[in-house]
PDB file of N, CA and C in Angstrom:
ATOM      1  N   MET A   1      94.014  94.728 136.067  1.00  0.00           N
ATOM      2  CA  MET A   1      93.331  95.043 137.297  1.00  0.00           C
ATOM      3  C   MET A   1      93.604  93.909 138.279  1.00  0.00           C
ATOM      4  N   PHE A   2      93.808  94.266 139.558  1.00  0.00           N
ATOM      5  CA  PHE A   2      94.074  93.243 140.552  1.00  0.00           C
ATOM      6  C   PHE A   2      93.493  93.635 141.902  1.00  0.00           C
ATOM      7  N   LEU A   3      93.317  92.621 142.760  1.00  0.00           N
ATOM      8  CA  LEU A   3      92.858  92.831 144.126  1.00  0.00           C
ATOM      9  C   LEU A   3      94.044  93.197 144.999  1.00  0.00           C
ATOM     10  N   ALA A   4      93.826  94.145 145.903  1.00  0.00           N
ATOM     11  CA  ALA A   4      94.885  94.546 146.828  1.00  0.00           C
ATOM     12  C   ALA A   4      94.252  94.978 148.139  1.00  0.00           C
ATOM     13  N   ARG A   5      95.049  94.957 149.189  1.00  0.00           N
ATOM     14  CA  ARG A   5      94.616  95.445 150.496  1.00  0.00           C
ATOM     15  C   ARG A   5      95.329  96.769 150.749  1.00  0.00           C
ATOM     16  N   VAL A   6      94.587  97.781 151.212  1.00  0.00           N
ATOM     17  CA  VAL A   6      95.192  99.053 151.598  1.00  0.00           C
ATOM     18  C   VAL A   6      95.879  98.827 152.944  1.00  0.00           C
ATOM     19  N   THR A   7      97.206  98.996 152.960  1.00  0.00           N
ATOM     20  CA  THR A   7      97.975  98.701 154.167  1.00  0.00           C
ATOM     21  C   THR A   7      98.583  99.940 154.821  1.00  0.00           C
ATOM     22  N   GLY A   8      98.507 101.074 154.179  1.00  0.00           N
ATOM     23  CA  GLY A   8      99.071 102.286 154.764  1.00  0.00           C
ATOM     24  C   GLY A   8      98.832 103.484 153.866  1.00  0.00           C
ATOM     25  N   HIS A   9      99.343 104.621 154.276  1.00  0.00           N
ATOM     26  CA  HIS A   9      99.219 105.827 153.460  1.00  0.00           C
ATOM     27  C   HIS A   9     100.580 106.503 153.347  1.00  0.00           C
ATOM     28  N   VAL A  10     100.682 107.377 152.363  1.00  0.00           N
ATOM     29  CA  VAL A  10     101.937 108.078 152.087  1.00  0.00           C
ATOM     30  C   VAL A  10     101.688 109.578 152.208  1.00  0.00           C
ATOM     31  N   VAL A  11     102.584 110.256 152.894  1.00  0.00           N
ATOM     32  CA  VAL A  11     102.565 111.716 152.969  1.00  0.00           C
ATOM     33  C   VAL A  11     103.834 112.207 152.295  1.00  0.00           C
ATOM     34  N   ALA A  12     103.682 113.075 151.311  1.00  0.00           N
ATOM     35  CA  ALA A  12     104.833 113.646 150.597  1.00  0.00           C
ATOM     36  C   ALA A  12     104.606 115.145 150.470  1.00  0.00           C
ATOM     37  N   THR A  13     105.347 115.926 151.243  1.00  0.00           N
ATOM     38  CA  THR A  13     105.156 117.377 151.180  1.00  0.00           C
ATOM     39  C   THR A  13     105.794 117.968 149.925  1.00  0.00           C
ATOM     40  N   GLN A  14     106.811 117.314 149.399  1.00  0.00           N
ATOM     41  CA  GLN A  14     107.443 117.758 148.160  1.00  0.00           C
ATOM     42  C   GLN A  14     107.068 116.768 147.054  1.00  0.00           C
ATOM     43  N   LYS A  15     106.285 117.230 146.101  1.00  0.00           N
ATOM     44  CA  LYS A  15     105.843 116.376 145.001  1.00  0.00           C
ATOM     45  C   LYS A  15     105.435 117.248 143.831  1.00  0.00           C
ATOM     46  N   ASP A  16     105.212 116.638 142.689  1.00  0.00           N
ATOM     47  CA  ASP A  16     104.722 117.355 141.520  1.00  0.00           C
ATOM     48  C   ASP A  16     103.425 118.061 141.897  1.00  0.00           C
ATOM     49  N   LYS A  17     103.288 119.321 141.492  1.00  0.00           N
ATOM     50  CA  LYS A  17     102.127 120.119 141.903  1.00  0.00           C
ATOM     51  C   LYS A  17     100.804 119.523 141.433  1.00  0.00           C
ATOM     52  N   THR A  18     100.817 118.712 140.384  1.00  0.00           N
ATOM     53  CA  THR A  18      99.564 118.098 139.925  1.00  0.00           C
ATOM     54  C   THR A  18      99.051 117.048 140.913  1.00  0.00           C
ATOM     55  N   LEU A  19      99.899 116.612 141.836  1.00  0.00           N
ATOM     56  CA  LEU A  19      99.480 115.624 142.832  1.00  0.00           C
ATOM     57  C   LEU A  19      98.961 116.261 144.118  1.00  0.00           C
ATOM     58  N   ASN A  20      99.020 117.596 144.209  1.00  0.00           N
ATOM     59  CA  ASN A  20      98.496 118.266 145.402  1.00  0.00           C
ATOM     60  C   ASN A  20      97.025 117.913 145.577  1.00  0.00           C
ATOM     61  N   GLY A  21      96.656 117.525 146.803  1.00  0.00           N
ATOM     62  CA  GLY A  21      95.274 117.182 147.105  1.00  0.00           C
ATOM     63  C   GLY A  21      94.910 115.732 146.808  1.00  0.00           C
ATOM     64  N   GLN A  22      95.819 114.980 146.237  1.00  0.00           N
ATOM     65  CA  GLN A  22      95.553 113.569 145.929  1.00  0.00           C
ATOM     66  C   GLN A  22      95.921 112.696 147.119  1.00  0.00           C
ATOM     67  N   LYS A  23      95.081 111.701 147.419  1.00  0.00           N
ATOM     68  CA  LYS A  23      95.393 110.747 148.483  1.00  0.00           C
ATOM     69  C   LYS A  23      96.265 109.636 147.919  1.00  0.00           C
ATOM     70  N   LEU A  24      97.346 109.333 148.618  1.00  0.00           N
ATOM     71  CA  LEU A  24      98.257 108.262 148.218  1.00  0.00           C
ATOM     72  C   LEU A  24      98.214 107.164 149.273  1.00  0.00           C
ATOM     73  N   PHE A  25      97.966 105.937 148.832  1.00  0.00           N
ATOM     74  CA  PHE A  25      97.926 104.796 149.737  1.00  0.00           C
ATOM     75  C   PHE A  25      98.977 103.774 149.351  1.00  0.00           C
ATOM     76  N   VAL A  26      99.437 103.018 150.341  1.00  0.00           N
ATOM     77  CA  VAL A  26     100.255 101.835 150.094  1.00  0.00           C
ATOM     78  C   VAL A  26      99.276 100.674 149.988  1.00  0.00           C
ATOM     79  N   VAL A  27      99.361  99.934 148.879  1.00  0.00           N
ATOM     80  CA  VAL A  27      98.511  98.760 148.698  1.00  0.00           C
ATOM     81  C   VAL A  27      99.388  97.529 148.505  1.00  0.00           C
ATOM     82  N   GLU A  28      98.891  96.389 148.969  1.00  0.00           N
ATOM     83  CA  GLU A  28      99.597  95.126 148.781  1.00  0.00           C
ATOM     84  C   GLU A  28      98.737  94.215 147.915  1.00  0.00           C
ATOM     85  N   PRO A  29      99.223  93.877 146.718  1.00  0.00           N
ATOM     86  CA  PRO A  29      98.476  92.942 145.871  1.00  0.00           C
ATOM     87  C   PRO A  29      98.276  91.611 146.600  1.00  0.00           C
ATOM     88  N   LEU A  30      97.142  90.973 146.336  1.00  0.00           N
ATOM     89  CA  LEU A  30      96.819  89.717 146.997  1.00  0.00           C
ATOM     90  C   LEU A  30      96.741  88.578 145.985  1.00  0.00           C
ATOM     91  N   ASN A  31      97.056  87.381 146.459  1.00  0.00           N
ATOM     92  CA  ASN A  31      96.889  86.158 145.675  1.00  0.00           C
ATOM     93  C   ASN A  31      95.732  85.375 146.270  1.00  0.00           C
ATOM     94  N   VAL A  32      94.898  84.809 145.410  1.00  0.00           N
ATOM     95  CA  VAL A  32      93.884  83.889 145.889  1.00  0.00           C
ATOM     96  C   VAL A  32      94.520  82.513 145.875  1.00  0.00           C
ATOM     97  N   LYS A  33      94.560  81.863 147.049  1.00  0.00           N
ATOM     98  CA  LYS A  33      95.144  80.525 147.144  1.00  0.00           C
ATOM     99  C   LYS A  33      94.010  79.509 147.148  1.00  0.00           C
ATOM    100  N   TYR A  34      94.255  78.370 146.499  1.00  0.00           N
ATOM    101  CA  TYR A  34      93.207  77.383 146.303  1.00  0.00           C
ATOM    102  C   TYR A  34      93.490  76.097 147.061  1.00  0.00           C
ATOM    103  N   ASN A  35      92.424  75.443 147.517  1.00  0.00           N
ATOM    104  CA  ASN A  35      92.493  74.118 148.090  1.00  0.00           C
ATOM    105  C   ASN A  35      92.675  73.147 146.933  1.00  0.00           C
ATOM    106  N   GLU A  36      93.786  72.427 146.919  1.00  0.00           N
ATOM    107  CA  GLU A  36      94.087  71.544 145.788  1.00  0.00           C
ATOM    108  C   GLU A  36      93.051  70.439 145.612  1.00  0.00           C
ATOM    109  N   ALA A  37      92.460  69.969 146.691  1.00  0.00           N
ATOM    110  CA  ALA A  37      91.495  68.872 146.610  1.00  0.00           C
ATOM    111  C   ALA A  37      90.183  69.309 145.956  1.00  0.00           C
ATOM    112  N   THR A  38      89.752  70.535 146.236  1.00  0.00           N
ATOM    113  CA  THR A  38      88.450  70.995 145.739  1.00  0.00           C
ATOM    114  C   THR A  38      88.557  72.055 144.656  1.00  0.00           C
ATOM    115  N   ASN A  39      89.749  72.618 144.447  1.00  0.00           N
ATOM    116  CA  ASN A  39      89.973  73.737 143.527  1.00  0.00           C
ATOM    117  C   ASN A  39      89.085  74.936 143.874  1.00  0.00           C
ATOM    118  N   GLU A  40      88.767  75.063 145.154  1.00  0.00           N
ATOM    119  CA  GLU A  40      87.994  76.204 145.638  1.00  0.00           C
ATOM    120  C   GLU A  40      88.941  77.139 146.382  1.00  0.00           C
ATOM    121  N   PRO A  41      88.643  78.436 146.398  1.00  0.00           N
ATOM    122  CA  PRO A  41      89.490  79.375 147.133  1.00  0.00           C
ATOM    123  C   PRO A  41      89.526  79.032 148.611  1.00  0.00           C
ATOM    124  N   SER A  42      90.703  79.122 149.217  1.00  0.00           N
ATOM    125  CA  SER A  42      90.807  78.846 150.644  1.00  0.00           C
ATOM    126  C   SER A  42      91.282  80.060 151.427  1.00  0.00           C
ATOM    127  N   THR A  43      92.128  80.901 150.842  1.00  0.00           N
ATOM    128  CA  THR A  43      92.613  82.099 151.542  1.00  0.00           C
ATOM    129  C   THR A  43      92.955  83.194 150.548  1.00  0.00           C
ATOM    130  N   LEU A  44      93.054  84.395 151.070  1.00  0.00           N
ATOM    131  CA  LEU A  44      93.666  85.494 150.338  1.00  0.00           C
ATOM    132  C   LEU A  44      95.071  85.606 150.880  1.00  0.00           C
ATOM    133  N   GLY A  45      96.072  85.427 150.036  1.00  0.00           N
ATOM    134  CA  GLY A  45      97.452  85.430 150.495  1.00  0.00           C
ATOM    135  C   GLY A  45      98.164  86.729 150.182  1.00  0.00           C
ATOM    136  N   ASN A  46      99.055  87.099 151.081  1.00  0.00           N
ATOM    137  CA  ASN A  46      99.878  88.288 150.869  1.00  0.00           C
ATOM    138  C   ASN A  46     100.979  87.992 149.865  1.00  0.00           C
ATOM    139  N   THR A  47     101.366  89.000 149.103  1.00  0.00           N
ATOM    140  CA  THR A  47     102.460  88.850 148.147  1.00  0.00           C
ATOM    141  C   THR A  47     103.753  89.444 148.676  1.00  0.00           C
ATOM    142  N   GLY A  48     103.656  90.279 149.715  1.00  0.00           N
ATOM    143  CA  GLY A  48     104.850  90.921 150.250  1.00  0.00           C
ATOM    144  C   GLY A  48     105.302  92.116 149.437  1.00  0.00           C
ATOM    145  N   ARG A  49     104.517  92.526 148.444  1.00  0.00           N
ATOM    146  CA  ARG A  49     104.858  93.692 147.624  1.00  0.00           C
ATOM    147  C   ARG A  49     104.133  94.925 148.145  1.00  0.00           C
ATOM    148  N   ALA A  50     104.724  96.075 147.951  1.00  0.00           N
ATOM    149  CA  ALA A  50     104.092  97.337 148.326  1.00  0.00           C
ATOM    150  C   ALA A  50     104.077  98.248 147.111  1.00  0.00           C
ATOM    151  N   ILE A  51     102.900  98.768 146.786  1.00  0.00           N
ATOM    152  CA  ILE A  51     102.726  99.667 145.645  1.00  0.00           C
ATOM    153  C   ILE A  51     102.043 100.927 146.152  1.00  0.00           C
ATOM    154  N   VAL A  52     102.511 102.079 145.723  1.00  0.00           N
ATOM    155  CA  VAL A  52     101.844 103.338 146.053  1.00  0.00           C
ATOM    156  C   VAL A  52     100.823 103.617 144.956  1.00  0.00           C
ATOM    157  N   ALA A  53      99.577 103.845 145.368  1.00  0.00           N
ATOM    158  CA  ALA A  53      98.493 104.073 144.411  1.00  0.00           C
ATOM    159  C   ALA A  53      97.703 105.313 144.796  1.00  0.00           C
ATOM    160  N   LEU A  54      97.282 106.067 143.786  1.00  0.00           N
ATOM    161  CA  LEU A  54      96.379 107.192 144.003  1.00  0.00           C
ATOM    162  C   LEU A  54      94.991 106.637 144.282  1.00  0.00           C
ATOM    163  N   ASP A  55      94.260 107.293 145.170  1.00  0.00           N
ATOM    164  CA  ASP A  55      92.899 106.866 145.498  1.00  0.00           C
ATOM    165  C   ASP A  55      91.899 107.829 144.875  1.00  0.00           C
ATOM    166  N   VAL A  56      91.024 107.318 144.011  1.00  0.00           N
ATOM    167  CA  VAL A  56      90.005 108.172 143.396  1.00  0.00           C
ATOM    168  C   VAL A  56      88.597 107.795 143.856  1.00  0.00           C
ATOM    169  N   VAL A  57      88.488 106.842 144.801  1.00  0.00           N
ATOM    170  CA  VAL A  57      87.162 106.367 145.203  1.00  0.00           C
ATOM    171  C   VAL A  57      86.879 106.524 146.700  1.00  0.00           C
ATOM    172  N   GLY A  58      87.810 107.042 147.472  1.00  0.00           N
ATOM    173  CA  GLY A  58      87.587 107.230 148.903  1.00  0.00           C
ATOM    174  C   GLY A  58      87.800 105.981 149.732  1.00  0.00           C
ATOM    175  N   ALA A  59      88.793 105.197 149.367  1.00  0.00           N
ATOM    176  CA  ALA A  59      89.113 103.974 150.111  1.00  0.00           C
ATOM    177  C   ALA A  59      89.740 104.325 151.458  1.00  0.00           C
ATOM    178  N   GLY A  60      89.830 103.318 152.316  1.00  0.00           N
ATOM    179  CA  GLY A  60      90.449 103.503 153.620  1.00  0.00           C
ATOM    180  C   GLY A  60      91.363 102.346 153.951  1.00  0.00           C
ATOM    181  N   GLU A  61      92.178 102.532 154.973  1.00  0.00           N
ATOM    182  CA  GLU A  61      93.124 101.492 155.362  1.00  0.00           C
ATOM    183  C   GLU A  61      92.392 100.215 155.757  1.00  0.00           C
ATOM    184  N   GLY A  62      92.952  99.082 155.329  1.00  0.00           N
ATOM    185  CA  GLY A  62      92.392  97.779 155.626  1.00  0.00           C
ATOM    186  C   GLY A  62      91.395  97.273 154.608  1.00  0.00           C
ATOM    187  N   GLN A  63      90.908  98.123 153.723  1.00  0.00           N
ATOM    188  CA  GLN A  63      89.899  97.690 152.756  1.00  0.00           C
ATOM    189  C   GLN A  63      90.516  96.912 151.602  1.00  0.00           C
ATOM    190  N   LEU A  64      89.694  96.021 151.030  1.00  0.00           N
ATOM    191  CA  LEU A  64      90.067  95.309 149.811  1.00  0.00           C
ATOM    192  C   LEU A  64      89.636  96.176 148.644  1.00  0.00           C
ATOM    193  N   VAL A  65      90.564  96.426 147.708  1.00  0.00           N
ATOM    194  CA  VAL A  65      90.291  97.365 146.614  1.00  0.00           C
ATOM    195  C   VAL A  65      90.697  96.774 145.270  1.00  0.00           C
ATOM    196  N   LEU A  66      90.212  97.405 144.203  1.00  0.00           N
ATOM    197  CA  LEU A  66      90.629  97.101 142.838  1.00  0.00           C
ATOM    198  C   LEU A  66      91.633  98.146 142.410  1.00  0.00           C
ATOM    199  N   VAL A  67      92.743  97.699 141.849  1.00  0.00           N
ATOM    200  CA  VAL A  67      93.813  98.603 141.444  1.00  0.00           C
ATOM    201  C   VAL A  67      94.152  98.349 139.978  1.00  0.00           C
ATOM    202  N   VAL A  68      94.399  99.425 139.238  1.00  0.00           N
ATOM    203  CA  VAL A  68      94.910  99.313 137.876  1.00  0.00           C
ATOM    204  C   VAL A  68      96.272  99.985 137.818  1.00  0.00           C
ATOM    205  N   GLN A  69      97.098  99.507 136.892  1.00  0.00           N
ATOM    206  CA  GLN A  69      98.439 100.069 136.712  1.00  0.00           C
ATOM    207  C   GLN A  69      98.675 100.418 135.253  1.00  0.00           C
ATOM    208  N   GLY A  70      99.754 101.154 135.032  1.00  0.00           N
ATOM    209  CA  GLY A  70     100.165 101.494 133.674  1.00  0.00           C
ATOM    210  C   GLY A  70      99.227 102.490 133.028  1.00  0.00           C
ATOM    211  N   SER A  71      99.040 102.359 131.713  1.00  0.00           N
ATOM    212  CA  SER A  71      98.221 103.327 130.980  1.00  0.00           C
ATOM    213  C   SER A  71      96.778 103.335 131.477  1.00  0.00           C
ATOM    214  N   SER A  72      96.279 102.224 131.994  1.00  0.00           N
ATOM    215  CA  SER A  72      94.914 102.176 132.539  1.00  0.00           C
ATOM    216  C   SER A  72      94.754 103.113 133.728  1.00  0.00           C
ATOM    217  N   ALA A  73      95.828 103.351 134.458  1.00  0.00           N
ATOM    218  CA  ALA A  73      95.774 104.230 135.623  1.00  0.00           C
ATOM    219  C   ALA A  73      95.491 105.674 135.229  1.00  0.00           C
ATOM    220  N   ARG A  74      95.746 106.032 134.008  1.00  0.00           N
ATOM    221  CA  ARG A  74      95.523 107.401 133.555  1.00  0.00           C
ATOM    222  C   ARG A  74      94.250 107.536 132.722  1.00  0.00           C
ATOM    223  N   MET A  75      93.357 106.583 132.823  1.00  0.00           N
ATOM    224  CA  MET A  75      92.131 106.619 132.027  1.00  0.00           C
ATOM    225  C   MET A  75      90.909 107.055 132.822  1.00  0.00           C
ATOM    226  N   THR A  76      91.078 107.381 134.110  1.00  0.00           N
ATOM    227  CA  THR A  76      89.942 107.881 134.878  1.00  0.00           C
ATOM    228  C   THR A  76      89.843 109.390 134.678  1.00  0.00           C
ATOM    229  N   GLU A  77      88.675 109.919 134.941  1.00  0.00           N
ATOM    230  CA  GLU A  77      88.466 111.369 134.796  1.00  0.00           C
ATOM    231  C   GLU A  77      89.417 112.159 135.690  1.00  0.00           C
ATOM    232  N   GLN A  78      89.690 111.646 136.898  1.00  0.00           N
ATOM    233  CA  GLN A  78      90.529 112.353 137.861  1.00  0.00           C
ATOM    234  C   GLN A  78      92.017 112.226 137.562  1.00  0.00           C
ATOM    235  N   THR A  79      92.443 111.189 136.843  1.00  0.00           N
ATOM    236  CA  THR A  79      93.876 110.937 136.689  1.00  0.00           C
ATOM    237  C   THR A  79      94.399 111.126 135.272  1.00  0.00           C
ATOM    238  N   LYS A  80      93.562 111.558 134.352  1.00  0.00           N
ATOM    239  CA  LYS A  80      94.009 111.614 132.957  1.00  0.00           C
ATOM    240  C   LYS A  80      95.161 112.589 132.710  1.00  0.00           C
ATOM    241  N   HIS A  81      95.368 113.534 133.622  1.00  0.00           N
ATOM    242  CA  HIS A  81      96.479 114.472 133.463  1.00  0.00           C
ATOM    243  C   HIS A  81      97.486 114.376 134.613  1.00  0.00           C
ATOM    244  N   LEU A  82      97.492 113.239 135.317  1.00  0.00           N
ATOM    245  CA  LEU A  82      98.384 113.071 136.464  1.00  0.00           C
ATOM    246  C   LEU A  82      99.481 112.056 136.156  1.00  0.00           C
ATOM    247  N   PRO A  83     100.639 112.207 136.800  1.00  0.00           N
ATOM    248  CA  PRO A  83     101.711 111.220 136.634  1.00  0.00           C
ATOM    249  C   PRO A  83     101.440 110.002 137.528  1.00  0.00           C
ATOM    250  N   ALA A  84     100.455 109.209 137.130  1.00  0.00           N
ATOM    251  CA  ALA A  84     100.030 108.067 137.942  1.00  0.00           C
ATOM    252  C   ALA A  84     100.376 106.762 137.244  1.00  0.00           C
ATOM    253  N   ASP A  85     100.872 105.804 138.029  1.00  0.00           N
ATOM    254  CA  ASP A  85     101.137 104.477 137.494  1.00  0.00           C
ATOM    255  C   ASP A  85     100.260 103.421 138.154  1.00  0.00           C
ATOM    256  N   ALA A  86      99.648 103.751 139.305  1.00  0.00           N
ATOM    257  CA  ALA A  86      98.733 102.837 139.986  1.00  0.00           C
ATOM    258  C   ALA A  86      97.610 103.659 140.609  1.00  0.00           C
ATOM    259  N   VAL A  87      96.366 103.202 140.408  1.00  0.00           N
ATOM    260  CA  VAL A  87      95.208 103.936 140.906  1.00  0.00           C
ATOM    261  C   VAL A  87      94.204 102.954 141.494  1.00  0.00           C
ATOM    262  N   ILE A  88      93.680 103.304 142.668  1.00  0.00           N
ATOM    263  CA  ILE A  88      92.580 102.542 143.270  1.00  0.00           C
ATOM    264  C   ILE A  88      91.305 103.004 142.584  1.00  0.00           C
ATOM    265  N   ILE A  89      90.624 102.078 141.889  1.00  0.00           N
ATOM    266  CA  ILE A  89      89.429 102.448 141.127  1.00  0.00           C
ATOM    267  C   ILE A  89      88.144 101.843 141.680  1.00  0.00           C
ATOM    268  N   GLY A  90      88.255 101.007 142.731  1.00  0.00           N
ATOM    269  CA  GLY A  90      87.055 100.406 143.297  1.00  0.00           C
ATOM    270  C   GLY A  90      87.303  99.856 144.678  1.00  0.00           C
ATOM    271  N   ILE A  91      86.227  99.815 145.482  1.00  0.00           N
ATOM    272  CA  ILE A  91      86.262  99.199 146.803  1.00  0.00           C
ATOM    273  C   ILE A  91      85.424  97.933 146.705  1.00  0.00           C
ATOM    274  N   VAL A  92      86.010  96.800 147.073  1.00  0.00           N
ATOM    275  CA  VAL A  92      85.353  95.504 146.895  1.00  0.00           C
ATOM    276  C   VAL A  92      84.330  95.267 148.009  1.00  0.00           C
ATOM    277  N   ASP A  93      83.095  94.920 147.604  1.00  0.00           N
ATOM    278  CA  ASP A  93      82.046  94.545 148.552  1.00  0.00           C
ATOM    279  C   ASP A  93      82.091  93.043 148.809  1.00  0.00           C
ATOM    280  N   SER A  94      82.276  92.278 147.734  1.00  0.00           N
ATOM    281  CA  SER A  94      82.397  90.823 147.873  1.00  0.00           C
ATOM    282  C   SER A  94      83.135  90.291 146.656  1.00  0.00           C
ATOM    283  N   ALA A  95      83.740  89.126 146.831  1.00  0.00           N
ATOM    284  CA  ALA A  95      84.449  88.466 145.728  1.00  0.00           C
ATOM    285  C   ALA A  95      84.115  86.984 145.788  1.00  0.00           C
ATOM    286  N   ARG A  96      83.794  86.427 144.631  1.00  0.00           N
ATOM    287  CA  ARG A  96      83.342  85.044 144.549  1.00  0.00           C
ATOM    288  C   ARG A  96      84.048  84.346 143.402  1.00  0.00           C
ATOM    289  N   TYR A  97      84.385  83.083 143.614  1.00  0.00           N
ATOM    290  CA  TYR A  97      84.951  82.233 142.568  1.00  0.00           C
ATOM    291  C   TYR A  97      84.188  80.923 142.606  1.00  0.00           C
ATOM    292  N   GLY A  98      83.599  80.542 141.485  1.00  0.00           N
ATOM    293  CA  GLY A  98      82.793  79.332 141.468  1.00  0.00           C
ATOM    294  C   GLY A  98      81.646  79.477 142.442  1.00  0.00           C
ATOM    295  N   THR A  99      81.522  78.555 143.360  1.00  0.00           N
ATOM    296  CA  THR A  99      80.444  78.611 144.345  1.00  0.00           C
ATOM    297  C   THR A  99      80.895  79.172 145.685  1.00  0.00           C
ATOM    298  N   THR A 100      82.158  79.610 145.779  1.00  0.00           N
ATOM    299  CA  THR A 100      82.704  80.066 147.054  1.00  0.00           C
ATOM    300  C   THR A 100      82.904  81.577 147.076  1.00  0.00           C
ATOM    301  N   THR A 101      82.312  82.229 148.042  1.00  0.00           N
ATOM    302  CA  THR A 101      82.581  83.641 148.291  1.00  0.00           C
ATOM    303  C   THR A 101      83.803  83.683 149.195  1.00  0.00           C
ATOM    304  N   PHE A 102      84.918  84.222 148.671  1.00  0.00           N
ATOM    305  CA  PHE A 102      86.142  84.231 149.470  1.00  0.00           C
ATOM    306  C   PHE A 102      86.403  85.573 150.130  1.00  0.00           C
ATOM    307  N   TYR A 103      85.547  86.561 149.871  1.00  0.00           N
ATOM    308  CA  TYR A 103      85.654  87.829 150.584  1.00  0.00           C
ATOM    309  C   TYR A 103      84.268  88.447 150.659  1.00  0.00           C
ATOM    310  N   GLN A 104      83.909  88.934 151.826  1.00  0.00           N
ATOM    311  CA  GLN A 104      82.682  89.682 152.041  1.00  0.00           C
ATOM    312  C   GLN A 104      83.047  90.844 152.950  1.00  0.00           C
ATOM    313  N   ALA A 105      82.818  92.070 152.497  1.00  0.00           N
ATOM    314  CA  ALA A 105      83.168  93.252 153.290  1.00  0.00           C
ATOM    315  C   ALA A 105      82.531  93.170 154.668  1.00  0.00           C
ATOM    316  N   GLY A 106      83.311  93.512 155.683  1.00  0.00           N
ATOM    317  CA  GLY A 106      82.814  93.508 157.040  1.00  0.00           C
ATOM    318  C   GLY A 106      82.891  92.177 157.738  1.00  0.00           C
ATOM    319  N   GLU A 107      83.298  91.124 157.021  1.00  0.00           N
ATOM    320  CA  GLU A 107      83.419  89.794 157.623  1.00  0.00           C
ATOM    321  C   GLU A 107      84.854  89.340 157.551  1.00  0.00           C
ATOM    322  N   GLN A 108      85.244  88.445 158.436  1.00  0.00           N
ATOM    323  CA  GLN A 108      86.573  87.839 158.371  1.00  0.00           C
ATOM    324  C   GLN A 108      86.644  86.968 157.131  1.00  0.00           C
ATOM    325  N   GLU A 109      87.727  87.085 156.388  1.00  0.00           N
ATOM    326  CA  GLU A 109      87.895  86.251 155.188  1.00  0.00           C
ATOM    327  C   GLU A 109      88.139  84.809 155.594  1.00  0.00           C
ATOM    328  N   ILE A 110      87.795  83.884 154.707  1.00  0.00           N
ATOM    329  CA  ILE A 110      88.030  82.476 154.996  1.00  0.00           C
ATOM    330  C   ILE A 110      89.530  82.261 155.056  1.00  0.00           C
ATOM    331  N   GLY A 111      90.022  81.835 156.197  1.00  0.00           N
ATOM    332  CA  GLY A 111      91.445  81.617 156.372  1.00  0.00           C
ATOM    333  C   GLY A 111      92.264  82.841 156.057  1.00  0.00           C
ATOM    334  N   GLY A 112      91.650  84.016 156.123  1.00  0.00           N
ATOM    335  CA  GLY A 112      92.191  85.200 155.470  1.00  0.00           C
ATOM    336  C   GLY A 112      93.205  86.026 156.215  1.00  0.00           C
ATOM    337  N   THR A 113      93.427  87.210 155.651  1.00  0.00           N
ATOM    338  CA  THR A 113      94.481  88.103 156.104  1.00  0.00           C
ATOM    339  C   THR A 113      93.939  89.404 156.661  1.00  0.00           C
ATOM    340  N   GLN A 114      92.640  89.496 156.879  1.00  0.00           N
ATOM    341  CA  GLN A 114      92.038  90.754 157.289  1.00  0.00           C
ATOM    342  C   GLN A 114      92.424  91.152 158.668  1.00  0.00           C
TER     343      GLN A 114
END
């Protein structure tokens, strides 16, 4: 499972019929970067990767989400019979490491990429 930002959506008129009605998003996995002096999170960094993921939770563009890949992607009730390799399984409200909250929904991230 990893943190990612929803950066776009995919429209495919020709696809496997089991994917009809499924929302497809482009997500970019994020890295948490740390301040070397304090070992506290300082930013959420972009990885430059793009992954297409099925959305089963009603996410939207720009949101921070939880994504699973591989066999875990087919373990949700909605995806157990779908050809899925990446699935958005959660929308992040806040993320904290140690004593530092490095993401809070609706707020600008610390040094962040929102």
